[in-house]
Protein backbone atom coordinates (compact mmCIF):
# COMPACT_ATOMS: atom_id res chain seq x y z
CA UNK A 1 -39.27 -11.43 -10.77
CA UNK A 2 -37.94 -8.67 -13.05
CA UNK A 3 -34.16 -8.28 -13.06
CA UNK A 4 -34.46 -4.81 -12.07
CA UNK A 5 -37.30 -4.54 -9.79
CA UNK A 6 -38.10 -0.69 -8.98
CA UNK A 7 -41.27 -1.14 -6.91
CA UNK A 8 -41.30 1.44 -4.20
CA UNK A 9 -42.33 -1.20 -1.57
CA UNK A 10 -39.06 -3.17 -2.43
CA UNK A 11 -36.81 -0.01 -2.67
CA UNK A 12 -38.36 1.20 0.68
CA UNK A 13 -37.26 -2.09 2.39
CA UNK A 14 -33.94 -1.76 0.71
CA UNK A 15 -33.18 1.70 1.85
CA UNK A 16 -34.34 0.77 5.45
CA UNK A 17 -31.91 -2.05 5.16
CA UNK A 18 -29.23 0.39 4.14
CA UNK A 19 -29.94 2.46 7.19
CA UNK A 20 -29.93 -0.48 9.42
CA UNK A 21 -26.74 -1.66 7.94
CA UNK A 22 -25.18 1.84 8.39
CA UNK A 23 -26.26 1.66 11.99
CA UNK A 24 -24.63 -1.71 12.65
CA UNK A 25 -21.42 -0.86 10.95
CA UNK A 26 -21.20 2.49 12.88
CA UNK A 27 -22.12 0.72 16.18
CA UNK A 28 -19.35 -1.91 15.55
CA UNK A 29 -16.63 0.51 14.30
CA UNK A 30 -16.91 2.88 17.16
CA UNK A 31 -17.16 1.38 20.56
CA UNK A 32 -16.96 -2.36 19.83
CA UNK A 33 -13.98 -2.22 17.42
CA UNK A 34 -11.95 0.08 19.66
CA UNK A 35 -12.69 -2.43 22.66
CA UNK A 36 -11.89 -5.45 20.51
CA UNK A 37 -9.07 -4.30 18.37
CA UNK A 38 -7.84 -1.21 20.16
CA UNK A 39 -8.74 0.98 17.27
CA UNK A 40 -11.58 2.85 15.92
CA UNK A 41 -12.24 1.81 12.22
CA UNK A 42 -14.79 4.56 11.45
CA UNK A 43 -15.42 4.76 7.78
CA UNK A 44 -16.00 8.38 7.87
CA UNK A 45 -12.40 8.87 9.43
CA UNK A 46 -10.82 6.49 6.73
CA UNK A 47 -12.45 8.69 3.95
CA UNK A 48 -11.51 12.04 5.63
CA UNK A 49 -8.01 10.76 5.40
CA UNK A 50 -8.24 9.39 1.62
CA UNK A 51 -10.05 12.59 0.42
CA UNK A 52 -7.63 14.92 2.56
CA UNK A 53 -10.10 17.39 4.08
CA UNK A 54 -10.15 18.65 7.57
CA UNK A 55 -14.02 18.43 8.05
CA UNK A 56 -15.81 15.21 8.46
CA UNK A 57 -18.95 16.60 6.62
CA UNK A 58 -17.98 15.70 3.03
CA UNK A 59 -16.85 12.19 3.89
CA UNK A 60 -19.90 11.62 6.05
CA UNK A 61 -22.21 12.51 3.32
CA UNK A 62 -20.39 10.46 0.60
CA UNK A 63 -20.26 7.37 3.17
CA UNK A 64 -23.94 7.95 4.23
CA UNK A 65 -25.04 8.06 0.35
CA UNK A 66 -22.98 5.03 -0.43
CA UNK A 67 -24.40 2.89 2.33
CA UNK A 68 -27.90 3.99 2.43
CA UNK A 69 -28.59 4.14 -1.27
CA UNK A 70 -25.81 2.45 -3.24
CA UNK A 71 -25.37 -0.69 -1.13
CA UNK A 72 -29.16 -1.48 -1.20
CA UNK A 73 -29.49 -0.92 -4.80
CA UNK A 74 -26.65 -3.26 -5.38
CA UNK A 75 -28.30 -5.92 -3.18
CA UNK A 76 -31.60 -5.61 -4.65
CA UNK A 77 -30.81 -5.11 -8.37
CA UNK A 78 -27.62 -7.20 -8.82
CA UNK A 79 -26.73 -9.59 -5.90
CA UNK A 80 -30.06 -10.92 -4.93
CA UNK A 81 -31.24 -11.69 -8.58
CA UNK A 82 -27.76 -13.24 -9.40
CA UNK A 83 -27.57 -15.45 -6.38
CA UNK A 84 -30.90 -17.22 -6.37
CA UNK A 85 -30.46 -18.47 -2.87
CA UNK A 86 -31.36 -17.38 0.68
CA UNK A 87 -30.65 -13.90 1.76
CA UNK A 88 -27.36 -14.64 3.76
CA UNK A 89 -25.47 -15.47 0.60
CA UNK A 90 -25.92 -12.05 -1.39
CA UNK A 91 -25.79 -10.14 1.89
CA UNK A 92 -22.45 -11.80 2.66
CA UNK A 93 -21.11 -11.22 -0.73
CA UNK A 94 -22.07 -7.56 -0.55
CA UNK A 95 -20.08 -7.22 2.62
CA UNK A 96 -17.19 -9.05 1.25
CA UNK A 97 -17.07 -6.99 -2.03
CA UNK A 98 -17.40 -3.84 -0.19
CA UNK A 99 -14.51 -4.86 2.21
CA UNK A 100 -12.30 -5.72 -0.69
CA UNK A 101 -13.10 -2.59 -2.58
CA UNK A 102 -12.07 -0.49 0.44
CA UNK A 103 -9.05 -2.45 1.64
CA UNK A 104 -7.85 -3.68 -1.81
CA UNK A 105 -8.54 -0.65 -3.99
CA UNK A 106 -9.31 2.51 -2.01
CA UNK A 107 -6.80 2.09 0.76
CA UNK A 108 -3.71 1.58 -1.48
CA UNK A 109 -4.89 4.67 -3.53
CA UNK A 110 -4.65 6.68 -0.18
CA UNK A 111 -1.21 5.39 0.37
CA UNK A 112 -2.05 2.43 2.72
CA UNK A 113 -0.80 -1.14 1.89
CA UNK A 114 -2.72 -3.63 -0.02
CA UNK A 115 -5.47 -5.13 2.32
CA UNK A 116 -3.92 -3.19 5.03
CA UNK A 117 -1.47 -5.94 5.36
CA UNK A 118 -4.25 -8.40 6.43
CA UNK A 119 -3.78 -6.76 10.05
CA UNK A 120 -6.27 -6.33 12.79
CA UNK A 121 -7.75 -3.16 11.11
CA UNK A 122 -8.45 -4.93 7.99
CA UNK A 123 -10.16 -7.68 9.98
CA UNK A 124 -12.20 -5.22 12.04
CA UNK A 125 -13.25 -3.79 8.84
CA UNK A 126 -14.12 -7.16 7.42
CA UNK A 127 -16.53 -7.57 10.42
CA UNK A 128 -18.09 -4.25 9.99
CA UNK A 129 -18.47 -4.66 6.45
CA UNK A 130 -20.19 -8.25 6.96
CA UNK A 131 -22.57 -6.58 9.42
CA UNK A 132 -23.37 -3.81 6.88
CA UNK A 133 -24.18 -6.33 4.28
CA UNK A 134 -26.19 -8.46 6.45
CA UNK A 135 -28.12 -5.47 7.92
CA UNK A 136 -28.95 -4.58 4.28
CA UNK A 137 -29.90 -7.98 3.20
CA UNK A 138 -32.09 -8.82 6.23
CA UNK A 139 -34.49 -5.98 5.59
CA UNK A 140 -34.21 -5.71 1.89
CA UNK A 141 -35.29 -9.38 1.85
CA UNK A 142 -38.49 -8.38 3.53
CA UNK A 143 -39.35 -6.26 0.56
CA UNK A 144 -38.88 -9.48 -1.67
CA UNK A 145 -41.14 -11.42 0.64
CA UNK A 146 -43.86 -8.85 0.91
CA UNK A 147 -43.98 -8.85 -2.83
CA UNK A 148 -44.21 -12.34 -2.88
CA UNK A 149 -41.02 -12.81 -4.85
CA UNK A 150 -39.45 -15.60 -2.85
CA UNK A 151 -36.22 -17.21 -3.90
CA UNK A 152 -36.87 -20.24 -6.21
CA UNK A 153 -34.09 -22.83 -5.63
């Protein structure tokens, strides 16, 4: 397997994984997060507050591009080739890394405490990012399997 596989079939499955991960995260961050943790953890609202705009259009587009395009590319080109194991490991790493990036780097830049003081919002964001990573990984892995590029342990 080439390190940077740009085959259309693989990238198609990876982008489909990005859409699936986006949907899983949005589903969790809306009604489920509010029911479980008492607050909505919508990434679009979070970005809206950080960027400081009134409209949700720009943050929504930025978040959509990040989730639907950038995360699948990171999975297919970096994490999956680096972790030569089953799909759940690089998928979980994608979710954990994106969670740490948002809570540990972006949130303090926006004036929030580091890792949001490890409170319920941070834990809710962790669940949402893990769901997003697993959503990306499960479908992106279909692209690797379809190309007969299984993991060699």
